[in-house]
Structure formats: C-alpha cells, structure tokens
Amino acid sequence: GLDLQGGMSVVLQVSEEDVVDALAQ
C-alpha cells in the first residue's frame, strides 16, 4: 500500500460540461 512503500495517488475527473457541450455540438 501507499502508507508502507509510498507511491502516487491521483484523482481524475471527467468534465461533464464538456461532454454536454460536445453532444450539443
């Protein structure tokens, strides 16, 4: 796990507004 050996934690978020705008062209 991260606590014992370190590493990397990332939070990604899909931009819902960009998807909506693309659907509306």
mmCIF file of all heavy atoms, coordinates in Angstrom:
data_MODEL
# 
_entry.id   MODEL 
# 
loop_
_atom_site.group_PDB 
_atom_site.id 
_atom_site.type_symbol 
_atom_site.label_atom_id 
_atom_site.label_alt_id 
_atom_site.label_comp_id 
_atom_site.label_asym_id 
_atom_site.label_entity_id 
_atom_site.label_seq_id 
_atom_site.pdbx_PDB_ins_code 
_atom_site.Cartn_x 
_atom_site.Cartn_y 
_atom_site.Cartn_z 
_atom_site.occupancy 
_atom_site.B_iso_or_equiv 
_atom_site.pdbx_formal_charge 
_atom_site.auth_seq_id 
_atom_site.auth_comp_id 
_atom_site.auth_asym_id 
_atom_site.auth_atom_id 
_atom_site.pdbx_PDB_model_num 
ATOM 1   N N   . GLY A 1 1  ? 0.802   -1.218 0.000   1.00 0.00 ? 1  GLY A N   1 
ATOM 2   C CA  . GLY A 1 1  ? 0.000   0.000  0.000   1.00 0.00 ? 1  GLY A CA  1 
ATOM 3   C C   . GLY A 1 1  ? 0.834   1.266  0.000   1.00 0.00 ? 1  GLY A C   1 
ATOM 4   O O   . GLY A 1 1  ? 2.051   1.252  0.134   1.00 0.00 ? 1  GLY A O   1 
ATOM 5   N N   . LEU A 1 2  ? 0.138   2.392  -0.129  1.00 0.00 ? 2  LEU A N   1 
ATOM 6   C CA  . LEU A 1 2  ? 0.820   3.682  -0.190  1.00 0.00 ? 2  LEU A CA  1 
ATOM 7   C C   . LEU A 1 2  ? 1.479   4.042  1.135   1.00 0.00 ? 2  LEU A C   1 
ATOM 8   O O   . LEU A 1 2  ? 2.546   4.660  1.161   1.00 0.00 ? 2  LEU A O   1 
ATOM 9   C CB  . LEU A 1 2  ? -0.181  4.776  -0.578  1.00 0.00 ? 2  LEU A CB  1 
ATOM 10  C CG  . LEU A 1 2  ? -0.703  4.748  -2.019  1.00 0.00 ? 2  LEU A CG  1 
ATOM 11  C CD1 . LEU A 1 2  ? -1.782  5.806  -2.188  1.00 0.00 ? 2  LEU A CD1 1 
ATOM 12  C CD2 . LEU A 1 2  ? 0.412   4.985  -3.009  1.00 0.00 ? 2  LEU A CD2 1 
ATOM 13  N N   . ASP A 1 3  ? 0.863   3.655  2.250   1.00 0.00 ? 3  ASP A N   1 
ATOM 14  C CA  . ASP A 1 3  ? 1.385   4.035  3.556   1.00 0.00 ? 3  ASP A CA  1 
ATOM 15  C C   . ASP A 1 3  ? 2.753   3.427  3.824   1.00 0.00 ? 3  ASP A C   1 
ATOM 16  O O   . ASP A 1 3  ? 3.617   4.062  4.437   1.00 0.00 ? 3  ASP A O   1 
ATOM 17  C CB  . ASP A 1 3  ? 0.413   3.622  4.667   1.00 0.00 ? 3  ASP A CB  1 
ATOM 18  C CG  . ASP A 1 3  ? -0.895  4.396  4.609   1.00 0.00 ? 3  ASP A CG  1 
ATOM 19  O OD1 . ASP A 1 3  ? -0.891  5.487  4.016   1.00 0.00 ? 3  ASP A OD1 1 
ATOM 20  O OD2 . ASP A 1 3  ? -1.901  3.911  5.129   1.00 0.00 ? 3  ASP A OD2 1 
ATOM 21  N N   . LEU A 1 4  ? 2.965   2.182  3.383   1.00 0.00 ? 4  LEU A N   1 
ATOM 22  C CA  . LEU A 1 4  ? 4.203   1.479  3.692   1.00 0.00 ? 4  LEU A CA  1 
ATOM 23  C C   . LEU A 1 4  ? 5.309   1.719  2.674   1.00 0.00 ? 4  LEU A C   1 
ATOM 24  O O   . LEU A 1 4  ? 6.482   1.800  3.037   1.00 0.00 ? 4  LEU A O   1 
ATOM 25  C CB  . LEU A 1 4  ? 3.939   -0.034 3.813   1.00 0.00 ? 4  LEU A CB  1 
ATOM 26  C CG  . LEU A 1 4  ? 3.064   -0.457 4.998   1.00 0.00 ? 4  LEU A CG  1 
ATOM 27  C CD1 . LEU A 1 4  ? 2.824   -1.954 4.963   1.00 0.00 ? 4  LEU A CD1 1 
ATOM 28  C CD2 . LEU A 1 4  ? 3.729   -0.069 6.309   1.00 0.00 ? 4  LEU A CD2 1 
ATOM 29  N N   . GLN A 1 5  ? 4.966   1.792  1.395   1.00 0.00 ? 5  GLN A N   1 
ATOM 30  C CA  . GLN A 1 5  ? 6.024   1.912  0.397   1.00 0.00 ? 5  GLN A CA  1 
ATOM 31  C C   . GLN A 1 5  ? 5.941   3.178  -0.440  1.00 0.00 ? 5  GLN A C   1 
ATOM 32  O O   . GLN A 1 5  ? 6.746   3.386  -1.342  1.00 0.00 ? 5  GLN A O   1 
ATOM 33  C CB  . GLN A 1 5  ? 6.003   0.696  -0.542  1.00 0.00 ? 5  GLN A CB  1 
ATOM 34  C CG  . GLN A 1 5  ? 4.718   0.554  -1.364  1.00 0.00 ? 5  GLN A CG  1 
ATOM 35  C CD  . GLN A 1 5  ? 4.803   -0.600 -2.348  1.00 0.00 ? 5  GLN A CD  1 
ATOM 36  O OE1 . GLN A 1 5  ? 5.877   -0.970 -2.796  1.00 0.00 ? 5  GLN A OE1 1 
ATOM 37  N NE2 . GLN A 1 5  ? 3.652   -1.191 -2.668  1.00 0.00 ? 5  GLN A NE2 1 
ATOM 38  N N   . GLY A 1 6  ? 4.989   4.062  -0.112  1.00 0.00 ? 6  GLY A N   1 
ATOM 39  C CA  . GLY A 1 6  ? 4.875   5.285  -0.898  1.00 0.00 ? 6  GLY A CA  1 
ATOM 40  C C   . GLY A 1 6  ? 4.307   4.998  -2.274  1.00 0.00 ? 6  GLY A C   1 
ATOM 41  O O   . GLY A 1 6  ? 3.871   3.896  -2.580  1.00 0.00 ? 6  GLY A O   1 
ATOM 42  N N   . GLY A 1 7  ? 4.314   5.993  -3.121  1.00 0.00 ? 7  GLY A N   1 
ATOM 43  C CA  . GLY A 1 7  ? 3.776   5.814  -4.469  1.00 0.00 ? 7  GLY A CA  1 
ATOM 44  C C   . GLY A 1 7  ? 3.104   7.081  -4.950  1.00 0.00 ? 7  GLY A C   1 
ATOM 45  O O   . GLY A 1 7  ? 3.558   8.183  -4.660  1.00 0.00 ? 7  GLY A O   1 
ATOM 46  N N   . MET A 1 8  ? 1.994   6.906  -5.645  1.00 0.00 ? 8  MET A N   1 
ATOM 47  C CA  . MET A 1 8  ? 1.328   8.044  -6.260  1.00 0.00 ? 8  MET A CA  1 
ATOM 48  C C   . MET A 1 8  ? -0.182  7.879  -6.161  1.00 0.00 ? 8  MET A C   1 
ATOM 49  O O   . MET A 1 8  ? -0.725  6.794  -6.384  1.00 0.00 ? 8  MET A O   1 
ATOM 50  C CB  . MET A 1 8  ? 1.754   8.124  -7.732  1.00 0.00 ? 8  MET A CB  1 
ATOM 51  C CG  . MET A 1 8  ? 1.224   9.319  -8.481  1.00 0.00 ? 8  MET A CG  1 
ATOM 52  S SD  . MET A 1 8  ? 1.887   9.337  -10.180 1.00 0.00 ? 8  MET A SD  1 
ATOM 53  C CE  . MET A 1 8  ? 1.183   10.869 -10.783 1.00 0.00 ? 8  MET A CE  1 
ATOM 54  N N   . SER A 1 9  ? -0.840  8.951  -5.795  1.00 0.00 ? 9  SER A N   1 
ATOM 55  C CA  . SER A 1 9  ? -2.303  8.962  -5.718  1.00 0.00 ? 9  SER A CA  1 
ATOM 56  C C   . SER A 1 9  ? -2.816  10.117 -6.569  1.00 0.00 ? 9  SER A C   1 
ATOM 57  O O   . SER A 1 9  ? -2.379  11.254 -6.402  1.00 0.00 ? 9  SER A O   1 
ATOM 58  C CB  . SER A 1 9  ? -2.765  9.111  -4.271  1.00 0.00 ? 9  SER A CB  1 
ATOM 59  O OG  . SER A 1 9  ? -4.176  9.177  -4.201  1.00 0.00 ? 9  SER A OG  1 
ATOM 60  N N   . VAL A 1 10 ? -3.730  9.812  -7.483  1.00 0.00 ? 10 VAL A N   1 
ATOM 61  C CA  . VAL A 1 10 ? -4.237  10.818 -8.415  1.00 0.00 ? 10 VAL A CA  1 
ATOM 62  C C   . VAL A 1 10 ? -5.752  10.747 -8.459  1.00 0.00 ? 10 VAL A C   1 
ATOM 63  O O   . VAL A 1 10 ? -6.337  9.659  -8.449  1.00 0.00 ? 10 VAL A O   1 
ATOM 64  C CB  . VAL A 1 10 ? -3.685  10.586 -9.844  1.00 0.00 ? 10 VAL A CB  1 
ATOM 65  C CG1 . VAL A 1 10 ? -4.189  11.661 -10.795 1.00 0.00 ? 10 VAL A CG1 1 
ATOM 66  C CG2 . VAL A 1 10 ? -2.173  10.555 -9.845  1.00 0.00 ? 10 VAL A CG2 1 
ATOM 67  N N   . VAL A 1 11 ? -6.389  11.905 -8.483  1.00 0.00 ? 11 VAL A N   1 
ATOM 68  C CA  . VAL A 1 11 ? -7.840  11.972 -8.673  1.00 0.00 ? 11 VAL A CA  1 
ATOM 69  C C   . VAL A 1 11 ? -8.112  12.618 -10.025 1.00 0.00 ? 11 VAL A C   1 
ATOM 70  O O   . VAL A 1 11 ? -7.690  13.750 -10.280 1.00 0.00 ? 11 VAL A O   1 
ATOM 71  C CB  . VAL A 1 11 ? -8.530  12.774 -7.554  1.00 0.00 ? 11 VAL A CB  1 
ATOM 72  C CG1 . VAL A 1 11 ? -10.038 12.870 -7.832  1.00 0.00 ? 11 VAL A CG1 1 
ATOM 73  C CG2 . VAL A 1 11 ? -8.290  12.123 -6.194  1.00 0.00 ? 11 VAL A CG2 1 
ATOM 74  N N   . LEU A 1 12 ? -8.764  11.888 -10.897 1.00 0.00 ? 12 LEU A N   1 
ATOM 75  C CA  . LEU A 1 12 ? -9.127  12.388 -12.218 1.00 0.00 ? 12 LEU A CA  1 
ATOM 76  C C   . LEU A 1 12 ? -10.631 12.647 -12.246 1.00 0.00 ? 12 LEU A C   1 
ATOM 77  O O   . LEU A 1 12 ? -11.405 11.923 -11.612 1.00 0.00 ? 12 LEU A O   1 
ATOM 78  C CB  . LEU A 1 12 ? -8.757  11.368 -13.297 1.00 0.00 ? 12 LEU A CB  1 
ATOM 79  C CG  . LEU A 1 12 ? -7.311  10.867 -13.304 1.00 0.00 ? 12 LEU A CG  1 
ATOM 80  C CD1 . LEU A 1 12 ? -7.158  9.712  -14.284 1.00 0.00 ? 12 LEU A CD1 1 
ATOM 81  C CD2 . LEU A 1 12 ? -6.366  11.989 -13.681 1.00 0.00 ? 12 LEU A CD2 1 
ATOM 82  N N   . GLN A 1 13 ? -11.033 13.649 -12.978 1.00 0.00 ? 13 GLN A N   1 
ATOM 83  C CA  . GLN A 1 13 ? -12.464 13.944 -13.081 1.00 0.00 ? 13 GLN A CA  1 
ATOM 84  C C   . GLN A 1 13 ? -12.836 14.212 -14.534 1.00 0.00 ? 13 GLN A C   1 
ATOM 85  O O   . GLN A 1 13 ? -12.193 15.021 -15.213 1.00 0.00 ? 13 GLN A O   1 
ATOM 86  C CB  . GLN A 1 13 ? -12.855 15.129 -12.213 1.00 0.00 ? 13 GLN A CB  1 
ATOM 87  C CG  . GLN A 1 13 ? -14.359 15.416 -12.262 1.00 0.00 ? 13 GLN A CG  1 
ATOM 88  C CD  . GLN A 1 13 ? -14.834 16.243 -11.085 1.00 0.00 ? 13 GLN A CD  1 
ATOM 89  O OE1 . GLN A 1 13 ? -14.025 16.833 -10.376 1.00 0.00 ? 13 GLN A OE1 1 
ATOM 90  N NE2 . GLN A 1 13 ? -16.137 16.277 -10.865 1.00 0.00 ? 13 GLN A NE2 1 
ATOM 91  N N   . VAL A 1 14 ? -13.858 13.510 -14.990 1.00 0.00 ? 14 VAL A N   1 
ATOM 92  C CA  . VAL A 1 14 ? -14.367 13.719 -16.339 1.00 0.00 ? 14 VAL A CA  1 
ATOM 93  C C   . VAL A 1 14 ? -15.154 15.025 -16.356 1.00 0.00 ? 14 VAL A C   1 
ATOM 94  O O   . VAL A 1 14 ? -16.014 15.254 -15.502 1.00 0.00 ? 14 VAL A O   1 
ATOM 95  C CB  . VAL A 1 14 ? -15.266 12.548 -16.783 1.00 0.00 ? 14 VAL A CB  1 
ATOM 96  C CG1 . VAL A 1 14 ? -15.838 12.813 -18.172 1.00 0.00 ? 14 VAL A CG1 1 
ATOM 97  C CG2 . VAL A 1 14 ? -14.484 11.248 -16.770 1.00 0.00 ? 14 VAL A CG2 1 
ATOM 98  N N   . SER A 1 15 ? -14.868 15.890 -17.295 1.00 0.00 ? 15 SER A N   1 
ATOM 99  C CA  . SER A 1 15 ? -15.563 17.176 -17.404 1.00 0.00 ? 15 SER A CA  1 
ATOM 100 C C   . SER A 1 15 ? -16.924 16.942 -18.050 1.00 0.00 ? 15 SER A C   1 
ATOM 101 O O   . SER A 1 15 ? -17.043 16.872 -19.277 1.00 0.00 ? 15 SER A O   1 
ATOM 102 C CB  . SER A 1 15 ? -14.731 18.158 -18.241 1.00 0.00 ? 15 SER A CB  1 
ATOM 103 O OG  . SER A 1 15 ? -15.428 19.362 -18.420 1.00 0.00 ? 15 SER A OG  1 
ATOM 104 N N   . GLU A 1 16 ? -17.960 16.850 -17.212 1.00 0.00 ? 16 GLU A N   1 
ATOM 105 C CA  . GLU A 1 16 ? -19.305 16.574 -17.723 1.00 0.00 ? 16 GLU A CA  1 
ATOM 106 C C   . GLU A 1 16 ? -19.804 17.717 -18.605 1.00 0.00 ? 16 GLU A C   1 
ATOM 107 O O   . GLU A 1 16 ? -20.516 17.482 -19.586 1.00 0.00 ? 16 GLU A O   1 
ATOM 108 C CB  . GLU A 1 16 ? -20.266 16.338 -16.563 1.00 0.00 ? 16 GLU A CB  1 
ATOM 109 C CG  . GLU A 1 16 ? -19.948 15.086 -15.755 1.00 0.00 ? 16 GLU A CG  1 
ATOM 110 C CD  . GLU A 1 16 ? -20.994 14.796 -14.708 1.00 0.00 ? 16 GLU A CD  1 
ATOM 111 O OE1 . GLU A 1 16 ? -21.951 15.591 -14.575 1.00 0.00 ? 16 GLU A OE1 1 
ATOM 112 O OE2 . GLU A 1 16 ? -20.862 13.772 -14.010 1.00 0.00 ? 16 GLU A OE2 1 
ATOM 113 N N   . GLU A 1 17 ? -19.435 18.955 -18.252 1.00 0.00 ? 17 GLU A N   1 
ATOM 114 C CA  . GLU A 1 17 ? -19.890 20.081 -19.069 1.00 0.00 ? 17 GLU A CA  1 
ATOM 115 C C   . GLU A 1 17 ? -19.323 20.022 -20.487 1.00 0.00 ? 17 GLU A C   1 
ATOM 116 O O   . GLU A 1 17 ? -20.006 20.389 -21.455 1.00 0.00 ? 17 GLU A O   1 
ATOM 117 C CB  . GLU A 1 17 ? -19.543 21.423 -18.408 1.00 0.00 ? 17 GLU A CB  1 
ATOM 118 C CG  . GLU A 1 17 ? -18.086 21.601 -18.070 1.00 0.00 ? 17 GLU A CG  1 
ATOM 119 C CD  . GLU A 1 17 ? -17.783 21.261 -16.633 1.00 0.00 ? 17 GLU A CD  1 
ATOM 120 O OE1 . GLU A 1 17 ? -18.334 20.263 -16.126 1.00 0.00 ? 17 GLU A OE1 1 
ATOM 121 O OE2 . GLU A 1 17 ? -16.990 22.001 -16.019 1.00 0.00 ? 17 GLU A OE2 1 
ATOM 122 N N   . ASP A 1 18 ? -18.086 19.530 -20.629 1.00 0.00 ? 18 ASP A N   1 
ATOM 123 C CA  . ASP A 1 18 ? -17.503 19.396 -21.968 1.00 0.00 ? 18 ASP A CA  1 
ATOM 124 C C   . ASP A 1 18 ? -18.233 18.331 -22.780 1.00 0.00 ? 18 ASP A C   1 
ATOM 125 O O   . ASP A 1 18 ? -18.414 18.477 -23.995 1.00 0.00 ? 18 ASP A O   1 
ATOM 126 C CB  . ASP A 1 18 ? -16.019 19.046 -21.868 1.00 0.00 ? 18 ASP A CB  1 
ATOM 127 C CG  . ASP A 1 18 ? -15.180 20.231 -21.415 1.00 0.00 ? 18 ASP A CG  1 
ATOM 128 O OD1 . ASP A 1 18 ? -15.700 21.362 -21.433 1.00 0.00 ? 18 ASP A OD1 1 
ATOM 129 O OD2 . ASP A 1 18 ? -14.008 20.027 -21.037 1.00 0.00 ? 18 ASP A OD2 1 
ATOM 130 N N   . VAL A 1 19 ? -18.632 17.246 -22.097 1.00 0.00 ? 19 VAL A N   1 
ATOM 131 C CA  . VAL A 1 19 ? -19.374 16.187 -22.785 1.00 0.00 ? 19 VAL A CA  1 
ATOM 132 C C   . VAL A 1 19 ? -20.729 16.711 -23.253 1.00 0.00 ? 19 VAL A C   1 
ATOM 133 O O   . VAL A 1 19 ? -21.146 16.473 -24.398 1.00 0.00 ? 19 VAL A O   1 
ATOM 134 C CB  . VAL A 1 19 ? -19.573 14.962 -21.864 1.00 0.00 ? 19 VAL A CB  1 
ATOM 135 C CG1 . VAL A 1 19 ? -20.388 13.882 -22.581 1.00 0.00 ? 19 VAL A CG1 1 
ATOM 136 C CG2 . VAL A 1 19 ? -18.230 14.401 -21.430 1.00 0.00 ? 19 VAL A CG2 1 
ATOM 137 N N   . VAL A 1 20 ? -21.415 17.443 -22.375 1.00 0.00 ? 20 VAL A N   1 
ATOM 138 C CA  . VAL A 1 20 ? -22.725 18.012 -22.732 1.00 0.00 ? 20 VAL A CA  1 
ATOM 139 C C   . VAL A 1 20 ? -22.579 18.965 -23.904 1.00 0.00 ? 20 VAL A C   1 
ATOM 140 O O   . VAL A 1 20 ? -23.371 18.929 -24.860 1.00 0.00 ? 20 VAL A O   1 
ATOM 141 C CB  . VAL A 1 20 ? -23.357 18.734 -21.519 1.00 0.00 ? 20 VAL A CB  1 
ATOM 142 C CG1 . VAL A 1 20 ? -24.594 19.519 -21.945 1.00 0.00 ? 20 VAL A CG1 1 
ATOM 143 C CG2 . VAL A 1 20 ? -23.716 17.733 -20.427 1.00 0.00 ? 20 VAL A CG2 1 
ATOM 144 N N   . ASP A 1 21 ? -21.571 19.825 -23.848 1.00 0.00 ? 21 ASP A N   1 
ATOM 145 C CA  . ASP A 1 21 ? -21.371 20.802 -24.924 1.00 0.00 ? 21 ASP A CA  1 
ATOM 146 C C   . ASP A 1 21 ? -21.045 20.110 -26.245 1.00 0.00 ? 21 ASP A C   1 
ATOM 147 O O   . ASP A 1 21 ? -21.456 20.559 -27.310 1.00 0.00 ? 21 ASP A O   1 
ATOM 148 C CB  . ASP A 1 21 ? -20.254 21.779 -24.540 1.00 0.00 ? 21 ASP A CB  1 
ATOM 149 C CG  . ASP A 1 21 ? -20.440 23.151 -25.179 1.00 0.00 ? 21 ASP A CG  1 
ATOM 150 O OD1 . ASP A 1 21 ? -21.577 23.479 -25.564 1.00 0.00 ? 21 ASP A OD1 1 
ATOM 151 O OD2 . ASP A 1 21 ? -19.447 23.885 -25.298 1.00 0.00 ? 21 ASP A OD2 1 
ATOM 152 N N   . ALA A 1 22 ? -20.306 19.018 -26.171 1.00 0.00 ? 22 ALA A N   1 
ATOM 153 C CA  . ALA A 1 22 ? -19.981 18.262 -27.387 1.00 0.00 ? 22 ALA A CA  1 
ATOM 154 C C   . ALA A 1 22 ? -21.229 17.614 -27.966 1.00 0.00 ? 22 ALA A C   1 
ATOM 155 O O   . ALA A 1 22 ? -21.429 17.588 -29.189 1.00 0.00 ? 22 ALA A O   1 
ATOM 156 C CB  . ALA A 1 22 ? -18.935 17.197 -27.076 1.00 0.00 ? 22 ALA A CB  1 
ATOM 157 N N   . LEU A 1 23 ? -22.095 17.091 -27.090 1.00 0.00 ? 23 LEU A N   1 
ATOM 158 C CA  . LEU A 1 23 ? -23.348 16.485 -27.558 1.00 0.00 ? 23 LEU A CA  1 
ATOM 159 C C   . LEU A 1 23 ? -24.256 17.527 -28.209 1.00 0.00 ? 23 LEU A C   1 
ATOM 160 O O   . LEU A 1 23 ? -25.019 17.210 -29.130 1.00 0.00 ? 23 LEU A O   1 
ATOM 161 C CB  . LEU A 1 23 ? -24.082 15.819 -26.390 1.00 0.00 ? 23 LEU A CB  1 
ATOM 162 C CG  . LEU A 1 23 ? -23.419 14.575 -25.787 1.00 0.00 ? 23 LEU A CG  1 
ATOM 163 C CD1 . LEU A 1 23 ? -24.150 14.146 -24.525 1.00 0.00 ? 23 LEU A CD1 1 
ATOM 164 C CD2 . LEU A 1 23 ? -23.404 13.434 -26.803 1.00 0.00 ? 23 LEU A CD2 1 
ATOM 165 N N   . ALA A 1 24 ? -24.171 18.767 -27.738 1.00 0.00 ? 24 ALA A N   1 
ATOM 166 C CA  . ALA A 1 24 ? -24.958 19.856 -28.327 1.00 0.00 ? 24 ALA A CA  1 
ATOM 167 C C   . ALA A 1 24 ? -24.234 20.495 -29.500 1.00 0.00 ? 24 ALA A C   1 
ATOM 168 O O   . ALA A 1 24 ? -24.732 21.481 -30.065 1.00 0.00 ? 24 ALA A O   1 
ATOM 169 C CB  . ALA A 1 24 ? -25.249 20.915 -27.266 1.00 0.00 ? 24 ALA A CB  1 
ATOM 170 N N   . GLN A 1 25 ? -23.077 19.921 -29.868 1.00 0.00 ? 25 GLN A N   1 
ATOM 171 C CA  . GLN A 1 25 ? -22.250 20.434 -30.970 1.00 0.00 ? 25 GLN A CA  1 
ATOM 172 C C   . GLN A 1 25 ? -21.906 21.912 -30.760 1.00 0.00 ? 25 GLN A C   1 
ATOM 173 O O   . GLN A 1 25 ? -21.920 22.709 -31.692 1.00 0.00 ? 25 GLN A O   1 
ATOM 174 C CB  . GLN A 1 25 ? -22.952 20.240 -32.317 1.00 0.00 ? 25 GLN A CB  1 
ATOM 175 C CG  . GLN A 1 25 ? -23.291 18.786 -32.616 1.00 0.00 ? 25 GLN A CG  1 
ATOM 176 C CD  . GLN A 1 25 ? -24.018 18.617 -33.928 1.00 0.00 ? 25 GLN A CD  1 
ATOM 177 O OE1 . GLN A 1 25 ? -23.386 18.500 -34.979 1.00 0.00 ? 25 GLN A OE1 1 
ATOM 178 N NE2 . GLN A 1 25 ? -25.346 18.649 -33.894 1.00 0.00 ? 25 GLN A NE2 1 
# 
